[in-house]
Amino acid sequence: MINEVAIMDPLGKLIYLPPDLCTNQNLTKDIFNDVSTVITKPAILIEVMENSQLQFYYFRSIGWNKTFLIIICQINNRWEVNTCIRNPAGETLSTVLKKGKQIL
């Protein structure tokens, strides 16, 4: 596809970022840099099997006032960012940690 961005995570997975990443959250154009940092250098990486589908959750703080939770899954036989949450609630992280296995 044209204008696709792909980055490598610490586990060696090539992850594609969709062009409309986080558009519903009024984020700046730096979103691709922030998401790339979260995926390449996550503070927490959690593996979750949900509805027979393997998903990975990447969490990291960017600067003093931004945190991101990035969810990837396999779409069309490749890893893609499925969801991007800026400043997720503590309850969200707690739920993910309870249902998954922390890798990093």
N, C-alpha and C. Protein backbone atom coordinates (compact mmCIF):
# COMPACT_ATOMS: atom_id res chain seq x y z
N MET A 1 0.84 -1.19 0.00
CA MET A 1 0.00 0.00 0.00
C MET A 1 0.88 1.25 0.00
N ILE A 2 0.34 2.32 -0.49
CA ILE A 2 1.06 3.58 -0.56
C ILE A 2 1.06 4.24 0.81
N ASN A 3 2.20 4.89 1.14
CA ASN A 3 2.35 5.64 2.38
C ASN A 3 2.20 4.79 3.64
N GLU A 4 2.56 3.55 3.58
CA GLU A 4 2.52 2.71 4.76
C GLU A 4 3.77 2.90 5.59
N VAL A 5 3.60 2.88 6.90
CA VAL A 5 4.72 2.97 7.81
C VAL A 5 4.77 1.67 8.59
N ALA A 6 5.95 1.07 8.66
CA ALA A 6 6.12 -0.17 9.42
C ALA A 6 7.33 -0.02 10.32
N ILE A 7 7.21 -0.55 11.53
CA ILE A 7 8.31 -0.49 12.49
C ILE A 7 8.49 -1.87 13.13
N MET A 8 9.68 -2.10 13.68
CA MET A 8 10.01 -3.38 14.30
C MET A 8 9.91 -3.24 15.82
N ASP A 9 9.24 -4.21 16.46
CA ASP A 9 9.14 -4.18 17.92
C ASP A 9 10.30 -4.97 18.53
N PRO A 10 10.45 -4.97 19.87
CA PRO A 10 11.57 -5.67 20.50
C PRO A 10 11.56 -7.19 20.29
N LEU A 11 10.40 -7.75 19.90
CA LEU A 11 10.30 -9.19 19.66
C LEU A 11 10.59 -9.56 18.21
N GLY A 12 10.86 -8.55 17.37
CA GLY A 12 11.18 -8.81 15.97
C GLY A 12 9.98 -8.82 15.05
N LYS A 13 8.81 -8.42 15.53
CA LYS A 13 7.62 -8.37 14.69
C LYS A 13 7.61 -7.05 13.92
N LEU A 14 7.32 -7.12 12.63
CA LEU A 14 7.15 -5.93 11.81
C LEU A 14 5.70 -5.49 11.96
N ILE A 15 5.49 -4.25 12.43
CA ILE A 15 4.14 -3.76 12.73
C ILE A 15 3.82 -2.58 11.83
N TYR A 16 2.68 -2.66 11.16
CA TYR A 16 2.25 -1.61 10.25
C TYR A 16 1.34 -0.63 10.97
N LEU A 17 1.56 0.67 10.70
CA LEU A 17 0.75 1.72 11.28
C LEU A 17 -0.22 2.23 10.23
N PRO A 18 -1.52 2.19 10.51
CA PRO A 18 -2.48 2.69 9.52
C PRO A 18 -2.40 4.21 9.38
N PRO A 19 -2.70 4.73 8.20
CA PRO A 19 -2.61 6.18 7.98
C PRO A 19 -3.57 6.99 8.86
N ASP A 20 -4.68 6.39 9.27
CA ASP A 20 -5.67 7.11 10.09
C ASP A 20 -5.48 6.86 11.59
N LEU A 21 -4.26 6.57 11.99
CA LEU A 21 -3.94 6.24 13.37
C LEU A 21 -4.35 7.35 14.34
N CYS A 22 -5.17 7.01 15.30
CA CYS A 22 -5.57 7.92 16.39
C CYS A 22 -6.22 9.21 15.90
N THR A 23 -6.89 9.19 14.78
CA THR A 23 -7.46 10.42 14.26
C THR A 23 -8.61 10.94 15.11
N ASN A 24 -9.25 10.07 15.87
CA ASN A 24 -10.40 10.50 16.66
C ASN A 24 -10.00 11.12 17.99
N GLN A 25 -8.72 11.34 18.24
CA GLN A 25 -8.30 11.83 19.54
C GLN A 25 -7.62 13.20 19.48
N ASN A 26 -7.78 13.94 18.37
CA ASN A 26 -7.21 15.28 18.25
C ASN A 26 -5.72 15.32 18.57
N LEU A 27 -4.96 14.45 17.99
CA LEU A 27 -3.53 14.38 18.28
C LEU A 27 -2.74 15.13 17.21
N THR A 28 -1.53 15.48 17.55
CA THR A 28 -0.68 16.21 16.63
C THR A 28 -0.10 15.28 15.57
N LYS A 29 0.62 15.87 14.65
CA LYS A 29 1.27 15.08 13.60
C LYS A 29 2.40 14.23 14.15
N ASP A 30 2.83 14.50 15.37
CA ASP A 30 3.89 13.71 16.00
C ASP A 30 3.40 12.34 16.45
N ILE A 31 2.15 12.02 16.20
CA ILE A 31 1.58 10.76 16.68
C ILE A 31 2.39 9.57 16.17
N PHE A 32 2.85 9.61 14.93
CA PHE A 32 3.61 8.48 14.40
C PHE A 32 4.93 8.32 15.13
N ASN A 33 5.57 9.42 15.50
CA ASN A 33 6.81 9.34 16.28
C ASN A 33 6.53 8.77 17.67
N ASP A 34 5.46 9.23 18.31
CA ASP A 34 5.10 8.74 19.64
C ASP A 34 4.77 7.25 19.62
N VAL A 35 3.96 6.84 18.66
CA VAL A 35 3.57 5.44 18.55
C VAL A 35 4.79 4.58 18.23
N SER A 36 5.66 5.06 17.37
CA SER A 36 6.88 4.32 17.06
C SER A 36 7.73 4.10 18.31
N THR A 37 7.84 5.13 19.14
CA THR A 37 8.61 5.01 20.38
C THR A 37 7.97 4.00 21.32
N VAL A 38 6.65 4.05 21.44
CA VAL A 38 5.95 3.11 22.32
C VAL A 38 6.18 1.67 21.87
N ILE A 39 6.12 1.43 20.57
CA ILE A 39 6.25 0.06 20.06
C ILE A 39 7.70 -0.42 20.09
N THR A 40 8.64 0.45 19.77
CA THR A 40 10.04 0.00 19.73
C THR A 40 10.67 -0.08 21.12
N LYS A 41 10.17 0.73 22.07
CA LYS A 41 10.74 0.75 23.42
C LYS A 41 9.63 0.76 24.47
N PRO A 42 8.80 -0.27 24.52
CA PRO A 42 7.70 -0.25 25.49
C PRO A 42 8.19 -0.40 26.93
N ALA A 43 7.51 0.26 27.85
CA ALA A 43 7.79 0.06 29.27
C ALA A 43 7.14 -1.24 29.73
N ILE A 44 5.97 -1.52 29.16
CA ILE A 44 5.23 -2.76 29.46
C ILE A 44 4.75 -3.33 28.14
N LEU A 45 4.92 -4.64 27.97
CA LEU A 45 4.42 -5.36 26.80
C LEU A 45 3.67 -6.58 27.29
N ILE A 46 2.40 -6.67 26.91
CA ILE A 46 1.52 -7.73 27.41
C ILE A 46 0.95 -8.52 26.24
N GLU A 47 0.99 -9.83 26.36
CA GLU A 47 0.41 -10.73 25.35
C GLU A 47 -0.95 -11.19 25.86
N VAL A 48 -1.98 -11.07 25.03
CA VAL A 48 -3.34 -11.43 25.42
C VAL A 48 -3.97 -12.28 24.32
N MET A 49 -4.58 -13.38 24.71
CA MET A 49 -5.37 -14.18 23.77
C MET A 49 -6.84 -13.84 24.03
N GLU A 50 -7.46 -13.20 23.06
CA GLU A 50 -8.84 -12.75 23.22
C GLU A 50 -9.66 -13.17 22.01
N ASN A 51 -10.75 -13.89 22.26
CA ASN A 51 -11.62 -14.38 21.18
C ASN A 51 -10.82 -15.14 20.12
N SER A 52 -9.95 -16.03 20.57
CA SER A 52 -9.10 -16.85 19.70
C SER A 52 -8.15 -16.04 18.84
N GLN A 53 -7.88 -14.80 19.23
CA GLN A 53 -6.95 -13.96 18.47
C GLN A 53 -5.87 -13.44 19.42
N LEU A 54 -4.61 -13.60 18.99
CA LEU A 54 -3.49 -13.12 19.76
C LEU A 54 -3.33 -11.63 19.56
N GLN A 55 -3.23 -10.89 20.67
CA GLN A 55 -3.03 -9.45 20.63
C GLN A 55 -1.87 -9.08 21.53
N PHE A 56 -1.21 -7.99 21.20
CA PHE A 56 -0.13 -7.47 22.03
C PHE A 56 -0.47 -6.04 22.42
N TYR A 57 -0.26 -5.73 23.70
CA TYR A 57 -0.52 -4.40 24.25
C TYR A 57 0.81 -3.77 24.63
N TYR A 58 1.09 -2.60 24.09
CA TYR A 58 2.33 -1.86 24.35
C TYR A 58 1.97 -0.61 25.14
N PHE A 59 2.66 -0.38 26.25
CA PHE A 59 2.39 0.79 27.07
C PHE A 59 3.69 1.53 27.36
N ARG A 60 3.61 2.86 27.31
CA ARG A 60 4.78 3.68 27.61
C ARG A 60 4.34 5.13 27.83
N SER A 61 5.13 5.82 28.63
CA SER A 61 4.97 7.25 28.83
C SER A 61 5.87 7.97 27.83
N ILE A 62 5.36 9.04 27.26
CA ILE A 62 6.13 9.90 26.37
C ILE A 62 6.17 11.28 27.04
N GLY A 63 7.33 11.67 27.48
CA GLY A 63 7.43 12.93 28.19
C GLY A 63 6.78 12.83 29.57
N TRP A 64 6.36 13.97 30.09
CA TRP A 64 5.79 14.02 31.44
C TRP A 64 4.28 13.85 31.46
N ASN A 65 3.61 14.13 30.36
CA ASN A 65 2.16 14.20 30.42
C ASN A 65 1.41 13.35 29.41
N LYS A 66 2.09 12.46 28.72
CA LYS A 66 1.41 11.61 27.73
C LYS A 66 1.77 10.15 27.98
N THR A 67 0.76 9.31 28.04
CA THR A 67 0.98 7.87 28.02
C THR A 67 0.15 7.29 26.89
N PHE A 68 0.64 6.19 26.34
CA PHE A 68 -0.07 5.54 25.26
C PHE A 68 -0.19 4.06 25.53
N LEU A 69 -1.35 3.51 25.16
CA LEU A 69 -1.57 2.07 25.14
C LEU A 69 -1.89 1.74 23.69
N ILE A 70 -1.02 0.95 23.07
CA ILE A 70 -1.17 0.57 21.66
C ILE A 70 -1.49 -0.91 21.61
N ILE A 71 -2.53 -1.26 20.87
CA ILE A 71 -2.95 -2.65 20.73
C ILE A 71 -2.73 -3.07 19.29
N ILE A 72 -2.01 -4.20 19.11
CA ILE A 72 -1.79 -4.71 17.76
C ILE A 72 -2.40 -6.11 17.66
N CYS A 73 -2.79 -6.47 16.45
CA CYS A 73 -3.27 -7.82 16.17
C CYS A 73 -2.95 -8.14 14.71
N GLN A 74 -3.14 -9.39 14.36
CA GLN A 74 -2.87 -9.79 12.97
C GLN A 74 -4.10 -9.50 12.12
N ILE A 75 -3.87 -8.75 11.06
CA ILE A 75 -4.90 -8.43 10.08
C ILE A 75 -4.30 -8.73 8.72
N ASN A 76 -4.97 -9.57 7.94
CA ASN A 76 -4.48 -9.96 6.62
C ASN A 76 -3.05 -10.51 6.69
N ASN A 77 -2.80 -11.38 7.66
CA ASN A 77 -1.51 -12.06 7.83
C ASN A 77 -0.33 -11.12 8.09
N ARG A 78 -0.59 -9.99 8.70
CA ARG A 78 0.49 -9.11 9.13
C ARG A 78 0.05 -8.40 10.41
N TRP A 79 1.02 -7.96 11.20
CA TRP A 79 0.73 -7.26 12.45
C TRP A 79 0.42 -5.81 12.16
N GLU A 80 -0.71 -5.33 12.68
CA GLU A 80 -1.12 -3.94 12.48
C GLU A 80 -1.60 -3.34 13.80
N VAL A 81 -1.41 -2.04 13.94
CA VAL A 81 -1.98 -1.34 15.09
C VAL A 81 -3.49 -1.34 14.91
N ASN A 82 -4.17 -1.85 15.92
CA ASN A 82 -5.62 -1.94 15.90
C ASN A 82 -6.26 -0.79 16.67
N THR A 83 -5.65 -0.44 17.80
CA THR A 83 -6.20 0.60 18.68
C THR A 83 -5.07 1.41 19.29
N CYS A 84 -5.31 2.69 19.43
CA CYS A 84 -4.36 3.61 20.06
C CYS A 84 -5.13 4.41 21.11
N ILE A 85 -4.71 4.28 22.37
CA ILE A 85 -5.38 4.99 23.46
C ILE A 85 -4.38 5.92 24.12
N ARG A 86 -4.68 7.20 24.11
CA ARG A 86 -3.82 8.18 24.78
C ARG A 86 -4.31 8.35 26.22
N ASN A 87 -3.39 8.31 27.16
CA ASN A 87 -3.66 8.45 28.59
C ASN A 87 -4.76 7.49 29.06
N PRO A 88 -4.52 6.17 28.91
CA PRO A 88 -5.54 5.21 29.34
C PRO A 88 -5.74 5.26 30.86
N ALA A 89 -6.93 4.93 31.28
CA ALA A 89 -7.25 4.89 32.71
C ALA A 89 -6.51 3.74 33.38
N GLY A 90 -6.23 3.90 34.65
CA GLY A 90 -5.57 2.85 35.42
C GLY A 90 -6.34 1.55 35.40
N GLU A 91 -7.67 1.65 35.40
CA GLU A 91 -8.51 0.45 35.35
C GLU A 91 -8.30 -0.32 34.06
N THR A 92 -8.06 0.40 32.97
CA THR A 92 -7.81 -0.25 31.68
C THR A 92 -6.53 -1.08 31.75
N LEU A 93 -5.48 -0.49 32.27
CA LEU A 93 -4.21 -1.22 32.40
C LEU A 93 -4.35 -2.41 33.33
N SER A 94 -5.06 -2.22 34.42
CA SER A 94 -5.28 -3.31 35.38
C SER A 94 -6.00 -4.48 34.72
N THR A 95 -7.02 -4.19 33.95
CA THR A 95 -7.77 -5.24 33.26
C THR A 95 -6.89 -6.00 32.27
N VAL A 96 -6.08 -5.27 31.52
CA VAL A 96 -5.19 -5.90 30.54
C VAL A 96 -4.18 -6.80 31.26
N LEU A 97 -3.61 -6.32 32.34
CA LEU A 97 -2.63 -7.11 33.09
C LEU A 97 -3.25 -8.38 33.67
N LYS A 98 -4.51 -8.32 34.08
CA LYS A 98 -5.19 -9.49 34.65
C LYS A 98 -5.48 -10.56 33.59
N LYS A 99 -5.80 -10.12 32.37
CA LYS A 99 -6.20 -11.12 31.36
C LYS A 99 -5.05 -11.57 30.48
N GLY A 100 -3.90 -10.95 30.61
CA GLY A 100 -2.77 -11.31 29.74
C GLY A 100 -1.54 -11.74 30.51
N LYS A 101 -0.46 -11.92 29.75
CA LYS A 101 0.84 -12.31 30.30
C LYS A 101 1.84 -11.21 29.95
N GLN A 102 2.47 -10.64 30.99
CA GLN A 102 3.43 -9.57 30.75
C GLN A 102 4.74 -10.16 30.22
N ILE A 103 5.20 -9.64 29.09
CA ILE A 103 6.42 -10.11 28.45
C ILE A 103 7.59 -9.19 28.82
N LEU A 104 7.36 -7.90 28.82
CA LEU A 104 8.37 -6.90 29.22
C LEU A 104 7.79 -6.05 30.31
